Protein backbone atom coordinates (compact mmCIF):
# COMPACT_ATOMS: atom_id res chain seq x y z
CA MET A 1 -93.05 -11.15 -38.89
CA ASN A 2 -90.01 -10.83 -41.41
CA VAL A 3 -86.78 -10.53 -39.12
CA THR A 4 -83.73 -9.62 -41.49
CA ILE A 5 -80.44 -8.11 -40.98
CA GLU A 6 -78.41 -6.30 -43.18
CA ASN A 7 -75.07 -4.65 -42.65
CA LEU A 8 -74.33 -1.60 -42.53
CA ALA A 9 -70.76 -1.38 -41.99
CA PRO A 10 -68.10 -4.41 -41.25
CA CYS A 11 -68.97 -3.33 -37.40
CA LYS A 12 -72.74 -1.87 -37.68
CA LYS A 13 -75.37 -4.14 -38.93
CA LEU A 14 -78.75 -2.86 -39.00
CA LEU A 15 -82.14 -5.68 -37.70
CA ARG A 16 -85.74 -4.71 -39.29
CA VAL A 17 -88.75 -6.67 -38.28
CA GLU A 18 -91.60 -6.90 -39.94
CA ILE A 19 -95.10 -7.21 -38.99
CA GLU A 20 -98.75 -7.20 -40.53
CA THR A 21 -99.91 -5.31 -37.72
CA GLY A 22 -97.81 -2.04 -36.69
CA TYR A 23 -94.70 -1.78 -34.89
CA PRO A 24 -93.69 -4.22 -31.70
CA ASP A 25 -92.48 -3.72 -28.46
CA ILE A 26 -88.48 -5.33 -28.50
CA GLU A 27 -86.91 -6.16 -24.94
CA GLU A 28 -83.09 -6.94 -25.27
CA ILE A 29 -81.85 -10.14 -23.80
CA GLN A 30 -78.60 -10.71 -24.52
CA PHE A 31 -76.29 -8.04 -26.79
CA GLY A 32 -72.58 -7.66 -26.72
CA ARG A 33 -69.22 -8.39 -28.65
CA GLY A 34 -68.50 -11.95 -29.87
CA GLN A 35 -72.41 -12.83 -28.19
CA ALA A 36 -75.34 -14.23 -30.07
CA LEU A 37 -78.03 -11.61 -29.90
CA GLN A 38 -81.04 -12.66 -28.46
CA PHE A 39 -84.02 -10.45 -27.99
CA ALA A 40 -88.01 -10.57 -27.29
CA ALA A 41 -90.11 -8.79 -29.47
CA THR A 42 -93.84 -8.47 -28.33
CA VAL A 43 -96.74 -7.86 -30.77
CA GLU A 44 -100.23 -7.92 -31.73
CA THR A 45 -101.94 -9.47 -33.41
CA ALA A 46 -105.28 -9.53 -35.33
CA PRO A 47 -107.88 -11.56 -33.99
CA ASP A 48 -109.62 -14.05 -35.77
CA PHE A 49 -112.85 -14.85 -36.15
CA GLN A 50 -115.98 -15.33 -37.95
CA LEU A 51 -118.77 -12.59 -37.98
CA PRO A 52 -121.44 -13.24 -36.29
CA GLU A 53 -125.30 -12.40 -37.39
CA TYR A 54 -125.91 -9.06 -36.27
CA LYS A 55 -129.16 -8.04 -37.98
CA GLY A 56 -131.31 -7.17 -35.60
CA LEU A 57 -129.64 -6.89 -32.06
CA PRO A 58 -131.68 -5.00 -30.13
CA VAL A 59 -131.29 -1.44 -29.30
CA LYS A 60 -132.84 0.96 -27.25
CA ARG A 61 -133.05 4.56 -28.00
CA GLU A 62 -133.54 7.30 -25.56
CA THR A 63 -136.44 9.79 -27.40
CA THR A 64 -135.89 12.97 -26.37
CA SER A 65 -135.93 16.62 -27.86
CA VAL A 66 -134.73 19.97 -27.18
CA ALA A 67 -137.50 22.39 -25.85
CA ASP A 68 -137.46 26.13 -26.66
CA GLU A 69 -136.27 26.51 -22.88
CA ASP A 70 -133.66 25.09 -24.26
CA VAL A 71 -132.95 27.31 -26.77
CA ASP A 72 -133.74 29.75 -24.86
CA ARG A 73 -131.42 29.65 -22.06
CA ALA A 74 -128.44 29.03 -25.45
CA LEU A 75 -129.05 32.33 -26.61
CA ASN A 76 -128.64 33.31 -23.20
CA LEU A 77 -125.36 32.32 -23.02
CA LEU A 78 -124.97 33.83 -25.74
CA ARG A 79 -125.99 37.21 -25.07
CA GLU A 80 -124.06 36.45 -21.79
CA ARG A 81 -120.61 36.42 -24.34
CA GLN A 82 -122.01 40.35 -25.42
CA ILE A 83 -122.49 41.47 -21.51
CA SER A 84 -121.56 45.55 -20.74
CA PHE A 85 -121.51 46.83 -17.27
CA GLN A 86 -122.11 50.25 -16.71
CA THR A 87 -121.69 51.86 -13.61
CA VAL A 88 -124.48 52.57 -11.08
CA ASP A 89 -125.50 55.04 -8.05
CA ARG A 90 -127.34 52.20 -5.81
CA PRO A 91 -125.77 49.62 -3.00
CA ALA A 92 -124.41 46.78 -4.45
CA ALA A 93 -126.63 43.75 -4.76
CA SER A 94 -126.32 40.13 -5.80
CA GLY A 95 -125.03 39.77 -9.60
CA ASP A 96 -123.05 43.31 -9.89
CA VAL A 97 -119.96 43.58 -9.70
CA ALA A 98 -118.07 46.27 -7.30
CA VAL A 99 -114.79 47.74 -7.90
CA VAL A 100 -112.49 48.38 -5.08
CA ASN A 101 -109.30 49.05 -3.65
CA TYR A 102 -108.15 47.49 -0.85
CA THR A 103 -105.44 46.33 1.60
CA GLY A 104 -105.05 42.64 3.36
CA THR A 105 -103.32 41.50 6.38
CA CYS A 106 -102.78 38.36 8.08
CA ASP A 107 -102.09 38.25 12.24
CA GLY A 108 -102.07 42.09 12.01
CA LYS A 109 -99.55 41.90 9.29
CA PRO A 110 -99.22 42.31 5.51
CA ILE A 111 -100.33 39.15 3.90
CA THR A 112 -97.02 38.63 1.77
CA ASP A 113 -95.32 38.39 5.74
CA THR A 114 -96.89 35.37 5.65
CA ALA A 115 -97.61 34.47 1.78
CA PRO A 116 -94.25 36.63 -0.09
CA THR A 117 -95.95 35.24 -3.22
CA ALA A 118 -99.53 36.73 -2.10
CA LYS A 119 -98.97 40.26 -3.35
CA GLY A 120 -101.71 40.86 -5.15
CA LEU A 121 -103.99 39.40 -2.09
CA THR A 122 -101.94 42.38 -0.13
CA GLU A 123 -102.87 45.19 -2.00
CA GLN A 124 -105.17 45.84 -5.57
CA LYS A 125 -106.28 48.51 -6.67
CA ASN A 126 -109.47 48.92 -9.27
CA PHE A 127 -110.42 45.47 -8.24
CA TRP A 128 -113.51 43.99 -9.58
CA ILE A 129 -115.45 41.52 -7.46
CA ASN A 130 -118.66 39.95 -8.73
CA ILE A 131 -120.93 40.16 -5.61
CA GLU A 132 -122.20 36.51 -6.19
CA PRO A 133 -121.44 33.82 -3.23
CA GLY A 134 -118.03 31.89 -3.60
CA ALA A 135 -116.16 35.01 -5.67
CA PHE A 136 -112.51 35.62 -4.90
CA ILE A 137 -112.52 34.68 -1.24
CA PRO A 138 -115.08 32.63 0.26
CA GLY A 139 -116.88 34.84 1.82
CA PHE A 140 -115.46 38.09 1.18
CA ALA A 141 -118.29 38.89 -1.91
CA ASP A 142 -121.67 38.96 0.44
CA GLN A 143 -119.55 41.96 2.69
CA LEU A 144 -120.01 43.97 0.31
CA THR A 145 -123.66 43.81 -0.78
CA GLY A 146 -125.08 46.98 -0.13
CA ALA A 147 -122.56 48.89 0.29
CA LYS A 148 -121.98 51.79 -2.58
CA ALA A 149 -119.87 54.05 -4.45
CA GLY A 150 -117.35 55.64 -1.36
CA ASP A 151 -118.39 53.32 1.06
CA LYS A 152 -115.47 51.48 3.14
CA ARG A 153 -115.26 48.12 4.80
CA THR A 154 -113.93 45.71 7.33
CA VAL A 155 -113.86 42.07 5.45
CA ASN A 156 -113.20 39.47 7.49
CA VAL A 157 -112.35 35.83 5.72
CA ASP A 158 -110.85 32.61 6.86
CA PHE A 159 -108.79 31.06 4.34
CA PRO A 160 -109.98 27.84 3.08
CA ALA A 161 -108.05 24.56 4.24
CA ASP A 162 -107.73 23.92 0.28
CA PHE A 163 -107.07 27.63 -0.12
CA VAL A 164 -104.59 28.51 -3.75
CA THR A 165 -102.01 29.66 -1.36
CA PRO A 166 -100.69 27.18 0.84
CA GLN A 167 -99.39 29.36 3.20
CA LEU A 168 -102.48 31.07 3.98
CA ALA A 169 -104.52 27.79 4.00
CA GLY A 170 -106.70 27.92 7.83
CA LEU A 171 -105.25 31.66 8.53
CA LYS A 172 -107.84 34.83 8.82
CA GLY A 173 -107.74 37.19 7.06
CA VAL A 174 -108.19 41.00 7.65
CA PHE A 175 -109.11 43.75 4.20
CA GLU A 176 -110.64 46.67 4.77
CA VAL A 177 -111.70 48.12 1.01
CA GLU A 178 -112.91 51.08 -0.33
CA VAL A 179 -115.76 50.64 -2.92
CA VAL A 180 -114.83 52.39 -6.20
CA GLU A 181 -118.03 52.28 -8.29
CA VAL A 182 -120.78 49.75 -8.65
CA LYS A 183 -121.32 48.45 -11.58
CA GLU A 184 -124.71 45.98 -13.15
CA LYS A 185 -123.99 43.99 -16.04
CA VAL A 186 -126.35 44.72 -18.79
CA LEU A 187 -127.53 41.94 -20.79
CA PRO A 188 -127.88 42.90 -24.77
CA PRO A 189 -131.27 42.54 -26.51
CA LEU A 190 -132.00 39.37 -28.35
CA ASP A 191 -132.79 41.47 -31.37
CA GLU A 192 -131.75 41.61 -35.10
CA ALA A 193 -128.74 43.43 -34.56
CA PHE A 194 -127.73 40.86 -32.26
CA ALA A 195 -128.98 37.65 -34.92
CA LYS A 196 -126.45 39.52 -37.51
CA ALA A 197 -123.35 39.24 -35.02
CA TYR A 198 -123.82 35.58 -35.39
CA GLY A 199 -124.41 35.26 -38.97
CA ALA A 200 -128.04 35.16 -39.02
CA GLU A 201 -130.48 37.59 -40.82
CA SER A 202 -132.93 37.81 -37.73
CA VAL A 203 -134.06 36.06 -35.16
CA GLU A 204 -135.94 33.63 -35.78
CA THR A 205 -133.28 32.28 -37.74
CA LEU A 206 -130.35 32.34 -34.66
CA ARG A 207 -133.25 30.37 -32.91
CA ALA A 208 -133.76 28.14 -35.57
CA GLY A 209 -130.66 27.83 -36.36
CA VAL A 210 -129.46 26.94 -32.90
CA ARG A 211 -132.07 24.54 -32.51
CA THR A 212 -130.41 22.98 -34.94
CA ASP A 213 -127.37 22.57 -33.37
CA LEU A 214 -128.96 21.42 -30.20
CA GLU A 215 -130.84 18.67 -31.93
CA ASN A 216 -127.63 17.48 -33.65
CA GLU A 217 -125.80 17.71 -30.33
CA LEU A 218 -129.43 15.43 -29.16
CA ASN A 219 -128.50 13.19 -31.51
CA TYR A 220 -124.69 12.89 -31.70
CA ASN A 221 -124.37 12.55 -27.65
CA LEU A 222 -127.64 9.59 -28.37
CA LEU A 223 -125.92 8.05 -30.72
CA GLY A 224 -122.45 7.68 -28.95
CA GLY A 225 -124.70 6.32 -25.63
CA GLN A 226 -126.29 3.40 -27.99
CA ARG A 227 -123.07 3.00 -28.65
CA GLN A 228 -121.23 2.27 -25.29
CA ARG A 229 -124.28 0.69 -24.34
CA GLN A 230 -123.73 -2.31 -26.26
CA LYS A 231 -121.11 -4.05 -24.33
CA PRO A 232 -118.12 -5.76 -26.24
CA GLY A 233 -118.88 -9.36 -26.88
CA GLN A 234 -122.81 -8.60 -27.30
CA GLY A 235 -124.37 -10.59 -30.45
CA GLY A 236 -121.00 -12.21 -30.44
CA PHE A 237 -118.51 -9.95 -31.28
CA PRO A 238 -115.06 -10.01 -29.26
CA ALA A 239 -114.00 -7.14 -27.16
CA ALA A 240 -110.88 -5.12 -28.74
CA LYS A 241 -107.71 -5.57 -26.85
CA ASP A 242 -105.42 -2.68 -26.79
CA ARG A 243 -102.12 -3.55 -25.04
CA ARG A 244 -100.22 0.19 -25.46
CA GLU A 245 -100.63 3.31 -23.97
CA GLY A 246 -104.33 4.95 -24.10
CA GLY A 247 -106.00 1.95 -26.27
CA HIS A 248 -107.81 2.95 -28.62
CA GLN A 249 -110.11 6.15 -29.20
CA GLY A 250 -113.85 6.18 -28.47
CA PHE A 251 -116.78 6.87 -30.51
CA ALA A 252 -117.12 10.55 -29.14
CA GLY A 253 -113.83 11.82 -29.69
CA ARG A 254 -113.79 10.96 -33.49
CA GLY A 255 -115.36 13.79 -34.91
CA ARG A 256 -118.70 16.52 -34.49
CA PRO A 257 -122.00 16.84 -34.68
CA PRO A 258 -122.92 17.63 -38.52
CA ARG A 259 -123.94 20.99 -39.68
CA HIS A 260 -127.28 22.17 -40.07
CA ALA A 261 -128.61 23.92 -43.60
CA SER A 262 -126.48 27.27 -42.85
CA GLY A 263 -123.26 25.26 -43.82
CA ARG A 264 -122.03 26.57 -40.35
CA HIS A 265 -122.93 26.12 -35.99
CA VAL A 266 -123.79 28.88 -33.95
CA SER A 267 -121.23 26.87 -31.89
CA ASP A 268 -118.31 27.57 -34.46
CA SER A 269 -118.79 31.82 -33.93
CA ALA A 270 -120.06 31.17 -30.61
CA GLY A 271 -118.69 28.50 -28.52
CA GLN A 272 -121.45 28.17 -26.39
CA VAL A 273 -124.37 26.25 -27.68
CA ARG A 274 -122.73 23.11 -26.56
CA GLU A 275 -122.55 24.80 -22.78
CA GLY A 276 -126.23 25.94 -23.16
CA PHE A 277 -127.38 22.27 -24.42
CA ALA A 278 -125.72 21.12 -21.28
CA GLU A 279 -127.26 23.01 -19.51
CA ALA A 280 -130.55 22.00 -20.94
CA GLN A 281 -129.71 18.34 -20.12
CA ARG A 282 -129.28 19.87 -15.66
CA HIS A 283 -132.60 21.02 -16.54
CA HIS A 284 -134.69 18.15 -17.39
């Protein structure tokens, strides 16, 4: 460590501290007119060690592969990116969307009397609600199952204890609901037009690209897992220490899996292949 003092002006001096391993943390101990400058510098030092024998270290490699079901699941996630909604003349069923008008009350008064900021819960027009468990307010969508366009229903809910609007947590709400229309979700067909939307010439090319992306992602994660399982200090290597906030960036945060032969990731255009891989792993 080199410490130098440069005169900048009659009453101004520049203290320069140079070290090889980065910037030190300087703590002032004494600094004032007529006093000797005293400070403490905390620095990080490079480890001093001899490189041990690293060849032949045992590494356990997990063996797994991408199945056809994994590719199908990833393709379905891509299809959901292009989902459309078709109005149907039938009762609402699970998976549909109910378009509704509603007004909400709590203890017989508009919800805004209890929670002034919850205007969206007091009244809405043409509001879309997925008919699935937990959608919107827990228990709300379930009470719309079987309703058709033009039907009116009274929906009673219990606001959960962790509800996003604290003033309503644990209270009961009553909603007068009118169903405007019922919409069915329609997935696009897995055909050549769909494949071309993602830059592939055919469905077979798209499937091959998705499979390659999943395999690259799998290999990338397996390699990261192997490095994580190699414990610090194993094989004679010293464990790295870093006192700085946040420490060093791990292997998983330093890059991306390699691209496939086409030169582009299907996940780059769709943003869903990683989700497909994660979903596939949960089904193994």
